[in-house]
Amino acid sequence: MLKASLAATILTAAMAFAQTYPESWKGDLTGVWQGPYTGDLTRNTSAKLTPWGEEQFKKFDGTIDPCLPVGVTRQINAPDPIEIVQTPNRVVILYESWHIFRSIPTDGRPHPKNLDPTWFGNSVAKWEGDTLVIDVTNLNDKTTLDTVGHPHSDQLHLVERLRRSGPTTASYEVTVDDPKTYVEPWTQKRVLQLKPGLELMEYVCLENEKDRSHLKGIK
């Protein structure tokens, strides 16, 4: 009798969960998401630096200016939430950290030609089933991939993949292709958690930021 009662309770809970999160969540990335802080993007990956890359990595002394743009990978590495707004022909990603946004077309257009390298480069995307695939090029070499200082060059090419993996989870993976800095392309994966009811906060950073004592070498 107890087993039957327990089974009925589990079935009721499962039905309620299914009604709360119908199958329509598949392919829908809209919402506020939060991932784990990823200070070392190379951890648990096959990343291997070239001699040039190793030389650049040794030069890193931890004195990153937090008020300059940090680039695509460090933006998503942060522990702060992001908000994704999805439309038929565009996906917009709003980052609480540094108050940055990316507006990414998903209508199949190619990268524009003859673009100057920038902090966040140029992003275009397409859907492969329920997976959003974002291709990023034209990045400058003024950032690092993470807060521990893994370098990259202006040859950096990123491919990001976002897929709704469950009612409250999304898989995120980024493939780093930079032949000047890394021996071969490598991929890092993590899981984002949906945060219903959470709103992005204002993140203010000024060039003469006083609260920098937590950065190595900054007085």
N, C-alpha and C. Protein backbone atom coordinates (compact mmCIF):
# COMPACT_ATOMS: atom_id res chain seq x y z
N MET A 1 0.83 -1.21 0.00
CA MET A 1 0.00 0.00 0.00
C MET A 1 0.86 1.26 0.00
N LEU A 2 1.95 1.19 0.79
CA LEU A 2 2.85 2.34 0.88
C LEU A 2 3.52 2.58 -0.46
N LYS A 3 3.93 1.49 -1.13
CA LYS A 3 4.59 1.62 -2.43
C LYS A 3 3.65 2.24 -3.45
N ALA A 4 2.39 1.82 -3.42
CA ALA A 4 1.40 2.35 -4.36
C ALA A 4 1.19 3.85 -4.11
N SER A 5 1.13 4.21 -2.83
CA SER A 5 0.94 5.63 -2.48
C SER A 5 2.14 6.46 -2.94
N LEU A 6 3.35 5.93 -2.75
CA LEU A 6 4.55 6.64 -3.16
C LEU A 6 4.59 6.80 -4.68
N ALA A 7 4.22 5.74 -5.40
CA ALA A 7 4.21 5.80 -6.86
C ALA A 7 3.22 6.85 -7.35
N ALA A 8 2.06 6.91 -6.67
CA ALA A 8 1.05 7.90 -7.06
C ALA A 8 1.55 9.32 -6.82
N THR A 9 2.27 9.50 -5.72
CA THR A 9 2.83 10.83 -5.40
C THR A 9 3.84 11.25 -6.45
N ILE A 10 4.72 10.32 -6.82
CA ILE A 10 5.74 10.62 -7.84
C ILE A 10 5.09 10.94 -9.18
N LEU A 11 4.06 10.17 -9.55
CA LEU A 11 3.37 10.39 -10.82
C LEU A 11 2.71 11.76 -10.83
N THR A 12 2.08 12.12 -9.71
CA THR A 12 1.42 13.43 -9.62
C THR A 12 2.43 14.56 -9.76
N ALA A 13 3.57 14.41 -9.09
CA ALA A 13 4.62 15.43 -9.17
C ALA A 13 5.16 15.54 -10.59
N ALA A 14 5.35 14.41 -11.25
CA ALA A 14 5.87 14.41 -12.62
C ALA A 14 4.90 15.10 -13.57
N MET A 15 3.60 14.84 -13.37
CA MET A 15 2.58 15.47 -14.23
C MET A 15 2.55 16.98 -14.01
N ALA A 16 2.68 17.38 -12.76
CA ALA A 16 2.70 18.82 -12.46
C ALA A 16 3.91 19.48 -13.07
N PHE A 17 5.06 18.80 -13.01
CA PHE A 17 6.29 19.33 -13.60
C PHE A 17 6.14 19.47 -15.11
N ALA A 18 5.54 18.47 -15.75
CA ALA A 18 5.35 18.51 -17.20
C ALA A 18 4.43 19.64 -17.61
N GLN A 19 3.41 19.94 -16.77
CA GLN A 19 2.50 21.03 -17.09
C GLN A 19 3.19 22.38 -16.92
N THR A 20 4.11 22.46 -15.94
CA THR A 20 4.84 23.71 -15.72
C THR A 20 5.83 23.97 -16.83
N TYR A 21 6.49 22.91 -17.30
CA TYR A 21 7.50 23.02 -18.35
C TYR A 21 7.11 22.13 -19.53
N PRO A 22 6.21 22.60 -20.40
CA PRO A 22 5.81 21.81 -21.55
C PRO A 22 6.96 21.63 -22.54
N GLU A 23 6.76 20.75 -23.50
CA GLU A 23 7.80 20.44 -24.48
C GLU A 23 8.21 21.66 -25.30
N SER A 24 7.44 22.74 -25.23
CA SER A 24 7.76 23.94 -26.01
C SER A 24 9.06 24.59 -25.59
N TRP A 25 9.65 24.14 -24.45
CA TRP A 25 10.93 24.72 -24.05
C TRP A 25 12.05 24.36 -25.02
N LYS A 26 11.88 23.29 -25.77
CA LYS A 26 12.94 22.86 -26.67
C LYS A 26 13.20 23.92 -27.74
N GLY A 27 14.47 24.31 -27.87
CA GLY A 27 14.84 25.30 -28.86
C GLY A 27 14.57 26.74 -28.43
N ASP A 28 14.06 26.93 -27.23
CA ASP A 28 13.76 28.28 -26.74
C ASP A 28 14.80 28.67 -25.70
N LEU A 29 15.65 29.63 -26.06
CA LEU A 29 16.71 30.07 -25.16
C LEU A 29 16.35 31.35 -24.41
N THR A 30 15.13 31.86 -24.63
CA THR A 30 14.71 33.10 -23.99
C THR A 30 14.71 32.96 -22.46
N GLY A 31 15.29 33.96 -21.80
CA GLY A 31 15.28 33.95 -20.34
C GLY A 31 16.59 34.42 -19.76
N VAL A 32 16.65 34.44 -18.43
CA VAL A 32 17.87 34.81 -17.72
C VAL A 32 18.58 33.53 -17.29
N TRP A 33 19.87 33.46 -17.62
CA TRP A 33 20.66 32.26 -17.36
C TRP A 33 21.89 32.60 -16.55
N GLN A 34 22.38 31.62 -15.81
CA GLN A 34 23.60 31.82 -15.04
C GLN A 34 24.44 30.55 -15.10
N GLY A 35 25.73 30.74 -15.40
CA GLY A 35 26.63 29.61 -15.47
C GLY A 35 27.65 29.65 -14.36
N PRO A 36 28.49 28.65 -14.27
CA PRO A 36 29.54 28.65 -13.24
C PRO A 36 30.66 29.60 -13.61
N TYR A 37 31.29 30.19 -12.61
CA TYR A 37 32.47 31.01 -12.88
C TYR A 37 33.55 30.11 -13.47
N THR A 38 34.10 30.54 -14.59
CA THR A 38 35.10 29.73 -15.30
C THR A 38 36.37 30.55 -15.42
N GLY A 39 37.20 30.51 -14.38
CA GLY A 39 38.42 31.31 -14.36
C GLY A 39 39.49 30.79 -15.30
N ASP A 40 39.52 29.46 -15.51
CA ASP A 40 40.50 28.84 -16.40
C ASP A 40 39.74 28.12 -17.49
N LEU A 41 39.69 28.72 -18.67
CA LEU A 41 38.92 28.15 -19.78
C LEU A 41 39.51 26.85 -20.29
N THR A 42 40.79 26.61 -20.05
CA THR A 42 41.46 25.42 -20.59
C THR A 42 41.31 24.20 -19.70
N ARG A 43 40.76 24.38 -18.50
CA ARG A 43 40.67 23.26 -17.56
C ARG A 43 39.81 22.13 -18.14
N ASN A 44 40.30 20.92 -18.03
CA ASN A 44 39.60 19.72 -18.53
C ASN A 44 39.37 19.78 -20.04
N THR A 45 40.29 20.40 -20.75
CA THR A 45 40.23 20.43 -22.22
C THR A 45 41.56 19.91 -22.78
N SER A 46 41.64 19.86 -24.09
CA SER A 46 42.87 19.40 -24.75
C SER A 46 43.76 20.57 -25.16
N ALA A 47 43.51 21.75 -24.62
CA ALA A 47 44.26 22.95 -25.02
C ALA A 47 45.76 22.77 -24.81
N LYS A 48 46.52 23.08 -25.84
CA LYS A 48 47.98 23.03 -25.76
C LYS A 48 48.56 24.23 -26.50
N LEU A 49 49.33 25.03 -25.77
CA LEU A 49 49.88 26.25 -26.33
C LEU A 49 51.02 25.97 -27.31
N THR A 50 51.12 26.81 -28.33
CA THR A 50 52.29 26.79 -29.22
C THR A 50 53.44 27.50 -28.48
N PRO A 51 54.65 27.41 -28.97
CA PRO A 51 55.75 28.17 -28.34
C PRO A 51 55.44 29.66 -28.22
N TRP A 52 54.84 30.25 -29.26
CA TRP A 52 54.46 31.66 -29.18
C TRP A 52 53.43 31.88 -28.09
N GLY A 53 52.44 30.97 -28.00
CA GLY A 53 51.41 31.09 -26.98
C GLY A 53 51.97 30.97 -25.58
N GLU A 54 52.91 30.05 -25.38
CA GLU A 54 53.54 29.89 -24.07
C GLU A 54 54.29 31.15 -23.66
N GLU A 55 54.94 31.77 -24.63
CA GLU A 55 55.68 33.00 -24.35
C GLU A 55 54.72 34.10 -23.90
N GLN A 56 53.59 34.21 -24.56
CA GLN A 56 52.60 35.23 -24.18
C GLN A 56 52.00 34.94 -22.81
N PHE A 57 51.76 33.66 -22.53
CA PHE A 57 51.17 33.28 -21.25
C PHE A 57 52.10 33.62 -20.09
N LYS A 58 53.40 33.44 -20.29
CA LYS A 58 54.38 33.75 -19.24
C LYS A 58 54.43 35.25 -18.95
N LYS A 59 54.09 36.06 -19.93
CA LYS A 59 54.13 37.51 -19.75
C LYS A 59 52.96 38.03 -18.92
N PHE A 60 51.93 37.24 -18.78
CA PHE A 60 50.73 37.70 -18.07
C PHE A 60 51.03 37.86 -16.59
N ASP A 61 50.73 39.04 -16.04
CA ASP A 61 51.03 39.30 -14.63
C ASP A 61 49.79 39.56 -13.79
N GLY A 62 48.62 39.33 -14.36
CA GLY A 62 47.39 39.48 -13.61
C GLY A 62 46.82 40.88 -13.54
N THR A 63 47.48 41.84 -14.16
CA THR A 63 47.02 43.22 -14.07
C THR A 63 46.04 43.55 -15.20
N ILE A 64 44.90 42.87 -15.16
CA ILE A 64 43.86 43.13 -16.15
C ILE A 64 43.05 44.34 -15.71
N ASP A 65 42.86 45.29 -16.62
CA ASP A 65 42.00 46.44 -16.31
C ASP A 65 40.55 45.99 -16.47
N PRO A 66 39.78 45.92 -15.38
CA PRO A 66 38.42 45.40 -15.48
C PRO A 66 37.46 46.33 -16.19
N CYS A 67 37.88 47.55 -16.51
CA CYS A 67 36.97 48.51 -17.14
C CYS A 67 37.09 48.55 -18.66
N LEU A 68 38.01 47.79 -19.20
CA LEU A 68 38.10 47.66 -20.65
C LEU A 68 37.28 46.46 -21.08
N PRO A 69 36.81 46.42 -22.33
CA PRO A 69 36.08 45.24 -22.80
C PRO A 69 36.93 43.98 -22.63
N VAL A 70 36.28 42.88 -22.28
CA VAL A 70 37.04 41.66 -21.96
C VAL A 70 36.91 40.58 -23.02
N GLY A 71 36.07 40.78 -24.01
CA GLY A 71 35.94 39.79 -25.08
C GLY A 71 34.88 38.74 -24.80
N VAL A 72 34.61 37.94 -25.81
CA VAL A 72 33.49 36.99 -25.78
C VAL A 72 33.64 35.95 -24.68
N THR A 73 34.79 35.30 -24.58
CA THR A 73 34.90 34.18 -23.64
C THR A 73 34.91 34.64 -22.19
N ARG A 74 35.64 35.71 -21.87
CA ARG A 74 35.65 36.19 -20.48
C ARG A 74 34.28 36.72 -20.08
N GLN A 75 33.52 37.20 -21.05
CA GLN A 75 32.19 37.71 -20.74
C GLN A 75 31.29 36.59 -20.23
N ILE A 76 31.31 35.45 -20.91
CA ILE A 76 30.47 34.32 -20.49
C ILE A 76 31.10 33.56 -19.33
N ASN A 77 32.42 33.73 -19.12
CA ASN A 77 33.10 33.06 -18.00
C ASN A 77 32.67 33.63 -16.65
N ALA A 78 32.22 34.88 -16.63
CA ALA A 78 31.89 35.56 -15.38
C ALA A 78 30.74 34.85 -14.66
N PRO A 79 30.67 34.98 -13.33
CA PRO A 79 29.59 34.33 -12.57
C PRO A 79 28.26 35.07 -12.64
N ASP A 80 28.26 36.27 -13.23
CA ASP A 80 27.04 37.05 -13.30
C ASP A 80 26.09 36.52 -14.37
N PRO A 81 24.79 36.77 -14.22
CA PRO A 81 23.81 36.22 -15.17
C PRO A 81 23.85 36.91 -16.53
N ILE A 82 23.25 36.24 -17.50
CA ILE A 82 23.04 36.81 -18.83
C ILE A 82 21.56 36.66 -19.16
N GLU A 83 21.09 37.49 -20.06
CA GLU A 83 19.70 37.36 -20.53
C GLU A 83 19.73 37.18 -22.04
N ILE A 84 18.98 36.19 -22.51
CA ILE A 84 18.89 35.92 -23.95
C ILE A 84 17.49 36.29 -24.43
N VAL A 85 17.45 37.10 -25.48
CA VAL A 85 16.20 37.49 -26.11
C VAL A 85 16.21 36.92 -27.52
N GLN A 86 15.25 36.10 -27.83
CA GLN A 86 15.24 35.35 -29.08
C GLN A 86 14.09 35.79 -29.97
N THR A 87 14.40 36.13 -31.23
CA THR A 87 13.39 36.48 -32.22
C THR A 87 13.60 35.58 -33.43
N PRO A 88 12.70 35.60 -34.41
CA PRO A 88 12.86 34.71 -35.56
C PRO A 88 14.17 34.90 -36.32
N ASN A 89 14.71 36.11 -36.39
CA ASN A 89 15.90 36.35 -37.20
C ASN A 89 17.09 36.91 -36.43
N ARG A 90 17.00 36.90 -35.10
CA ARG A 90 18.09 37.49 -34.32
C ARG A 90 18.04 36.97 -32.88
N VAL A 91 19.22 36.83 -32.30
CA VAL A 91 19.33 36.52 -30.88
C VAL A 91 20.16 37.62 -30.23
N VAL A 92 19.66 38.18 -29.15
CA VAL A 92 20.38 39.22 -28.42
C VAL A 92 20.79 38.64 -27.07
N ILE A 93 22.07 38.79 -26.72
CA ILE A 93 22.57 38.34 -25.44
C ILE A 93 22.99 39.56 -24.63
N LEU A 94 22.34 39.73 -23.48
CA LEU A 94 22.63 40.84 -22.58
C LEU A 94 23.43 40.30 -21.40
N TYR A 95 24.59 40.90 -21.14
CA TYR A 95 25.46 40.45 -20.06
C TYR A 95 25.40 41.44 -18.90
N GLU A 96 25.15 40.93 -17.69
CA GLU A 96 25.20 41.83 -16.54
C GLU A 96 26.61 42.36 -16.35
N SER A 97 27.61 41.49 -16.48
CA SER A 97 29.00 41.92 -16.34
C SER A 97 29.36 42.93 -17.41
N TRP A 98 29.91 44.05 -16.98
CA TRP A 98 30.36 45.12 -17.87
C TRP A 98 29.23 45.75 -18.67
N HIS A 99 27.97 45.33 -18.43
CA HIS A 99 26.82 45.92 -19.10
C HIS A 99 26.99 45.88 -20.63
N ILE A 100 27.35 44.71 -21.13
CA ILE A 100 27.64 44.52 -22.56
C ILE A 100 26.49 43.75 -23.21
N PHE A 101 26.29 43.97 -24.51
CA PHE A 101 25.30 43.18 -25.24
C PHE A 101 25.88 42.74 -26.58
N ARG A 102 25.35 41.65 -27.11
CA ARG A 102 25.66 41.19 -28.46
C ARG A 102 24.34 40.97 -29.20
N SER A 103 24.23 41.53 -30.40
CA SER A 103 23.05 41.35 -31.23
C SER A 103 23.47 40.51 -32.43
N ILE A 104 22.96 39.28 -32.51
CA ILE A 104 23.49 38.28 -33.44
C ILE A 104 22.43 37.87 -34.44
N PRO A 105 22.62 38.14 -35.74
CA PRO A 105 21.65 37.71 -36.74
C PRO A 105 21.65 36.20 -36.91
N THR A 106 20.47 35.64 -37.12
CA THR A 106 20.34 34.19 -37.32
C THR A 106 19.67 33.88 -38.66
N ASP A 107 19.74 34.83 -39.59
CA ASP A 107 19.03 34.69 -40.87
C ASP A 107 19.90 34.09 -41.96
N GLY A 108 21.07 33.55 -41.61
CA GLY A 108 21.90 32.87 -42.59
C GLY A 108 22.91 33.75 -43.29
N ARG A 109 22.99 35.01 -42.94
CA ARG A 109 23.94 35.91 -43.60
C ARG A 109 25.38 35.51 -43.26
N PRO A 110 26.34 35.78 -44.15
CA PRO A 110 27.75 35.52 -43.86
C PRO A 110 28.36 36.68 -43.08
N HIS A 111 29.59 36.51 -42.65
CA HIS A 111 30.31 37.62 -42.04
C HIS A 111 30.57 38.70 -43.10
N PRO A 112 30.41 39.95 -42.75
CA PRO A 112 30.78 41.02 -43.69
C PRO A 112 32.27 40.95 -44.01
N LYS A 113 32.64 41.43 -45.17
CA LYS A 113 34.04 41.39 -45.59
C LYS A 113 34.77 42.66 -45.14
N ASN A 114 36.08 42.52 -44.98
CA ASN A 114 36.98 43.64 -44.70
C ASN A 114 36.62 44.40 -43.41
N LEU A 115 36.28 43.65 -42.37
CA LEU A 115 35.98 44.27 -41.09
C LEU A 115 37.27 44.50 -40.30
N ASP A 116 37.32 45.58 -39.55
CA ASP A 116 38.44 45.80 -38.64
C ASP A 116 38.24 44.95 -37.40
N PRO A 117 39.31 44.38 -36.83
CA PRO A 117 39.18 43.60 -35.60
C PRO A 117 38.66 44.46 -34.45
N THR A 118 37.81 43.89 -33.63
CA THR A 118 37.24 44.60 -32.48
C THR A 118 37.26 43.68 -31.26
N TRP A 119 36.89 44.26 -30.10
CA TRP A 119 36.92 43.51 -28.84
C TRP A 119 36.03 42.27 -28.88
N PHE A 120 34.86 42.39 -29.51
CA PHE A 120 33.92 41.27 -29.56
C PHE A 120 33.76 40.69 -30.95
N GLY A 121 34.52 41.22 -31.91
CA GLY A 121 34.49 40.67 -33.25
C GLY A 121 33.13 40.78 -33.91
N ASN A 122 32.90 39.91 -34.88
CA ASN A 122 31.63 39.86 -35.59
C ASN A 122 31.01 38.48 -35.40
N SER A 123 29.75 38.45 -35.00
CA SER A 123 29.06 37.19 -34.74
C SER A 123 27.88 37.02 -35.70
N VAL A 124 27.81 35.85 -36.31
CA VAL A 124 26.62 35.45 -37.06
C VAL A 124 26.24 34.06 -36.57
N ALA A 125 24.97 33.72 -36.70
CA ALA A 125 24.53 32.44 -36.13
C ALA A 125 23.54 31.74 -37.07
N LYS A 126 23.36 30.47 -36.79
CA LYS A 126 22.36 29.67 -37.50
C LYS A 126 21.87 28.61 -36.54
N TRP A 127 20.71 28.05 -36.86
CA TRP A 127 20.14 26.97 -36.06
C TRP A 127 20.43 25.64 -36.73
N GLU A 128 20.98 24.73 -35.95
CA GLU A 128 21.14 23.34 -36.38
C GLU A 128 20.21 22.51 -35.51
N GLY A 129 18.99 22.27 -35.99
CA GLY A 129 17.98 21.66 -35.14
C GLY A 129 17.62 22.62 -34.03
N ASP A 130 17.78 22.16 -32.77
CA ASP A 130 17.48 23.04 -31.63
C ASP A 130 18.75 23.63 -31.03
N THR A 131 19.86 23.59 -31.76
CA THR A 131 21.13 24.13 -31.29
C THR A 131 21.45 25.43 -32.02
N LEU A 132 21.71 26.48 -31.26
CA LEU A 132 22.14 27.75 -31.83
C LEU A 132 23.66 27.71 -31.98
N VAL A 133 24.14 27.87 -33.21
CA VAL A 133 25.57 27.84 -33.49
C VAL A 133 26.02 29.24 -33.88
N ILE A 134 26.90 29.82 -33.07
CA ILE A 134 27.36 31.20 -33.28
C ILE A 134 28.81 31.17 -33.74
N ASP A 135 29.07 31.80 -34.87
CA ASP A 135 30.41 31.86 -35.44
C ASP A 135 30.98 33.27 -35.22
N VAL A 136 32.15 33.35 -34.60
CA VAL A 136 32.73 34.65 -34.22
C VAL A 136 34.10 34.83 -34.86
N THR A 137 34.28 35.90 -35.62
CA THR A 137 35.55 36.22 -36.25
C THR A 137 35.89 37.69 -36.03
N ASN A 138 37.02 38.12 -36.59
CA ASN A 138 37.44 39.53 -36.54
C ASN A 138 37.62 40.05 -35.11
N LEU A 139 38.22 39.21 -34.27
CA LEU A 139 38.52 39.61 -32.89
C LEU A 139 39.91 40.20 -32.82
N ASN A 140 40.07 41.24 -32.01
CA ASN A 140 41.41 41.78 -31.83
C ASN A 140 42.18 40.94 -30.81
N ASP A 141 43.43 41.29 -30.56
CA ASP A 141 44.28 40.50 -29.66
C ASP A 141 44.51 41.21 -28.33
N LYS A 142 43.58 42.07 -27.93
CA LYS A 142 43.77 42.91 -26.75
C LYS A 142 43.18 42.28 -25.48
N THR A 143 42.62 41.08 -25.56
CA THR A 143 42.02 40.44 -24.40
C THR A 143 42.70 39.10 -24.15
N THR A 144 42.32 38.46 -23.05
CA THR A 144 42.71 37.08 -22.79
C THR A 144 41.45 36.22 -22.81
N LEU A 145 41.64 34.92 -22.89
CA LEU A 145 40.48 34.02 -22.92
C LEU A 145 39.83 33.88 -21.56
N ASP A 146 40.61 34.12 -20.50
CA ASP A 146 40.09 33.91 -19.14
C ASP A 146 40.85 34.80 -18.17
N THR A 147 40.48 34.72 -16.90
CA THR A 147 41.10 35.59 -15.91
C THR A 147 42.47 35.11 -15.45
N VAL A 148 42.83 33.88 -15.77
CA VAL A 148 44.18 33.43 -15.42
C VAL A 148 45.18 33.77 -16.52
N GLY A 149 44.70 34.35 -17.61
CA GLY A 149 45.60 34.91 -18.61
C GLY A 149 45.91 34.09 -19.83
N HIS A 150 45.12 33.05 -20.14
CA HIS A 150 45.40 32.30 -21.37
C HIS A 150 45.23 33.22 -22.58
N PRO A 151 46.27 33.30 -23.40
CA PRO A 151 46.29 34.30 -24.48
C PRO A 151 45.56 33.85 -25.74
N HIS A 152 45.43 34.78 -26.64
CA HIS A 152 44.99 34.47 -28.00
C HIS A 152 45.55 35.55 -28.91
N SER A 153 45.54 35.27 -30.19
CA SER A 153 46.02 36.23 -31.18
C SER A 153 44.84 36.78 -31.96
N ASP A 154 45.13 37.63 -32.96
CA ASP A 154 44.05 38.15 -33.80
C ASP A 154 43.61 37.13 -34.85
N GLN A 155 44.17 35.92 -34.78
CA GLN A 155 43.70 34.82 -35.63
C GLN A 155 42.59 34.01 -34.96
N LEU A 156 42.19 34.41 -33.78
CA LEU A 156 41.20 33.67 -33.01
C LEU A 156 39.87 33.57 -33.76
N HIS A 157 39.35 32.35 -33.77
CA HIS A 157 38.04 32.06 -34.35
C HIS A 157 37.28 31.23 -33.30
N LEU A 158 36.09 31.68 -32.94
CA LEU A 158 35.28 30.98 -31.94
C LEU A 158 34.02 30.42 -32.57
N VAL A 159 33.61 29.26 -32.10
CA VAL A 159 32.30 28.71 -32.43
C VAL A 159 31.61 28.36 -31.12
N GLU A 160 30.50 29.05 -30.85
CA GLU A 160 29.72 28.80 -29.64
C GLU A 160 28.48 27.98 -30.00
N ARG A 161 28.14 27.06 -29.12
CA ARG A 161 26.93 26.24 -29.32
C ARG A 161 26.08 26.30 -28.05
N LEU A 162 24.85 26.73 -28.23
CA LEU A 162 23.89 26.82 -27.13
C LEU A 162 22.68 25.95 -27.45
N ARG A 163 22.33 25.08 -26.49
CA ARG A 163 21.17 24.21 -26.72
C ARG A 163 20.40 24.04 -25.42
N ARG A 164 19.11 24.18 -25.49
CA ARG A 164 18.26 23.94 -24.32
C ARG A 164 18.28 22.44 -24.03
N SER A 165 18.90 22.06 -22.95
CA SER A 165 19.08 20.64 -22.64
C SER A 165 18.03 20.10 -21.68
N GLY A 166 17.22 20.97 -21.11
CA GLY A 166 16.17 20.56 -20.19
C GLY A 166 15.29 21.75 -19.86
N PRO A 167 14.25 21.56 -19.08
CA PRO A 167 13.35 22.67 -18.75
C PRO A 167 14.05 23.84 -18.09
N THR A 168 15.11 23.57 -17.31
CA THR A 168 15.78 24.65 -16.59
C THR A 168 17.29 24.67 -16.84
N THR A 169 17.74 23.99 -17.90
CA THR A 169 19.18 23.94 -18.19
C THR A 169 19.45 24.17 -19.68
N ALA A 170 20.64 24.67 -19.95
CA ALA A 170 21.10 24.82 -21.33
C ALA A 170 22.57 24.43 -21.38
N SER A 171 22.95 23.72 -22.41
CA SER A 171 24.36 23.38 -22.58
C SER A 171 25.04 24.48 -23.38
N TYR A 172 26.23 24.84 -22.95
CA TYR A 172 27.02 25.85 -23.66
C TYR A 172 28.40 25.27 -23.91
N GLU A 173 28.86 25.37 -25.13
CA GLU A 173 30.23 24.96 -25.43
C GLU A 173 30.86 25.95 -26.40
N VAL A 174 32.15 26.15 -26.23
CA VAL A 174 32.87 27.07 -27.11
C VAL A 174 34.11 26.35 -27.64
N THR A 175 34.29 26.41 -28.94
CA THR A 175 35.47 25.85 -29.57
C THR A 175 36.41 26.98 -29.94
N VAL A 176 37.65 26.87 -29.48
CA VAL A 176 38.68 27.88 -29.69
C VAL A 176 39.61 27.40 -30.80
N ASP A 177 39.69 28.16 -31.87
CA ASP A 177 40.57 27.84 -32.99
C ASP A 177 41.49 29.03 -33.22
N ASP A 178 42.74 28.89 -32.85
CA ASP A 178 43.72 29.97 -32.97
C ASP A 178 45.08 29.32 -33.25
N PRO A 179 45.40 29.09 -34.52
CA PRO A 179 46.62 28.34 -34.87
C PRO A 179 47.92 29.01 -34.44
N LYS A 180 47.88 30.31 -34.21
CA LYS A 180 49.10 30.99 -33.76
C LYS A 180 49.37 30.71 -32.28
N THR A 181 48.30 30.49 -31.51
CA THR A 181 48.42 30.38 -30.06
C THR A 181 48.26 28.95 -29.54
N TYR A 182 47.47 28.13 -30.23
CA TYR A 182 47.19 26.77 -29.76
C TYR A 182 47.49 25.76 -30.86
N VAL A 183 48.00 24.62 -30.45
CA VAL A 183 48.45 23.59 -31.38
C VAL A 183 47.30 23.11 -32.26
N GLU A 184 46.12 22.98 -31.67
CA GLU A 184 44.94 22.53 -32.42
C GLU A 184 43.69 23.12 -31.75
N PRO A 185 42.57 23.13 -32.46
CA PRO A 185 41.33 23.61 -31.85
C PRO A 185 40.95 22.77 -30.63
N TRP A 186 40.30 23.40 -29.66
CA TRP A 186 39.85 22.70 -28.47
C TRP A 186 38.53 23.28 -28.00
N THR A 187 37.81 22.49 -27.21
CA THR A 187 36.44 22.85 -26.83
C THR A 187 36.26 22.77 -25.31
N GLN A 188 35.57 23.75 -24.77
CA GLN A 188 35.22 23.76 -23.35
C GLN A 188 33.70 23.75 -23.23
N LYS A 189 33.19 22.97 -22.27
CA LYS A 189 31.74 22.82 -22.11
C LYS A 189 31.32 23.15 -20.68
N ARG A 190 30.09 23.64 -20.56
CA ARG A 190 29.51 23.86 -19.24
C ARG A 190 27.99 23.89 -19.35
N VAL A 191 27.33 23.98 -18.21
CA VAL A 191 25.86 23.99 -18.17
C VAL A 191 25.39 25.31 -17.57
N LEU A 192 24.42 25.94 -18.21
CA LEU A 192 23.80 27.16 -17.70
C LEU A 192 22.48 26.80 -17.04
N GLN A 193 22.14 27.53 -15.97
CA GLN A 193 20.90 27.29 -15.25
C GLN A 193 19.92 28.44 -15.49
N LEU A 194 18.68 28.10 -15.82
CA LEU A 194 17.63 29.10 -15.98
C LEU A 194 17.27 29.69 -14.62
N LYS A 195 17.13 31.01 -14.57
CA LYS A 195 16.83 31.71 -13.32
C LYS A 195 15.53 32.51 -13.47
N PRO A 196 14.37 31.82 -13.39
CA PRO A 196 13.09 32.54 -13.52
C PRO A 196 12.94 33.61 -12.44
N GLY A 197 12.49 34.77 -12.83
CA GLY A 197 12.27 35.85 -11.87
C GLY A 197 13.48 36.71 -11.60
N LEU A 198 14.65 36.27 -12.05
CA LEU A 198 15.87 37.06 -11.82
C LEU A 198 15.98 38.15 -12.88
N GLU A 199 16.35 39.35 -12.46
CA GLU A 199 16.54 40.48 -13.37
C GLU A 199 18.01 40.90 -13.35
N LEU A 200 18.52 41.32 -14.49
CA LEU A 200 19.89 41.80 -14.55
C LEU A 200 20.01 43.10 -13.77
N MET A 201 21.12 43.24 -13.07
CA MET A 201 21.37 44.46 -12.31
C MET A 201 22.29 45.39 -13.10
N GLU A 202 22.34 46.64 -12.68
CA GLU A 202 23.24 47.59 -13.31
C GLU A 202 24.68 47.31 -12.87
N TYR A 203 25.57 47.25 -13.83
CA TYR A 203 26.99 46.99 -13.57
C TYR A 203 27.76 48.19 -14.09
N VAL A 204 28.32 48.98 -13.18
CA VAL A 204 29.01 50.21 -13.55
C VAL A 204 30.51 50.02 -13.35
N CYS A 205 31.29 50.36 -14.36
CA CYS A 205 32.74 50.28 -14.27
C CYS A 205 33.32 51.56 -14.88
N LEU A 206 34.18 52.23 -14.14
CA LEU A 206 34.74 53.50 -14.58
C LEU A 206 36.24 53.35 -14.81
N GLU A 207 36.79 54.15 -15.69
CA GLU A 207 38.22 54.06 -16.01
C GLU A 207 39.11 54.29 -14.80
N ASN A 208 38.66 55.14 -13.88
CA ASN A 208 39.46 55.40 -12.67
C ASN A 208 38.93 54.60 -11.49
N GLU A 209 38.54 53.38 -11.75
CA GLU A 209 37.99 52.50 -10.71
C GLU A 209 38.92 52.40 -9.51
N LYS A 210 38.38 52.63 -8.31
CA LYS A 210 39.18 52.60 -7.09
C LYS A 210 39.25 51.20 -6.49
N ASP A 211 38.21 50.42 -6.68
CA ASP A 211 38.15 49.09 -6.07
C ASP A 211 38.89 48.09 -6.96
N ARG A 212 40.23 48.17 -6.98
CA ARG A 212 41.03 47.28 -7.82
C ARG A 212 42.09 46.56 -7.03
N SER A 213 42.02 46.62 -5.71
CA SER A 213 43.06 46.02 -4.89
C SER A 213 43.07 44.49 -5.00
N HIS A 214 41.94 43.91 -5.46
CA HIS A 214 41.89 42.45 -5.58
C HIS A 214 42.67 41.97 -6.80
N LEU A 215 43.10 42.88 -7.67
CA LEU A 215 43.87 42.50 -8.85
C LEU A 215 45.36 42.49 -8.53
N LYS A 216 46.04 41.49 -8.99
CA LYS A 216 47.45 41.35 -8.72
C LYS A 216 48.23 42.55 -9.23
N GLY A 217 49.06 43.14 -8.36
CA GLY A 217 49.92 44.24 -8.76
C GLY A 217 49.27 45.59 -8.73
N ILE A 218 47.97 45.66 -8.37
CA ILE A 218 47.27 46.94 -8.33
C ILE A 218 47.20 47.46 -6.91
N LYS A 219 47.64 48.68 -6.69
CA LYS A 219 47.59 49.31 -5.36
C LYS A 219 46.38 50.22 -5.24
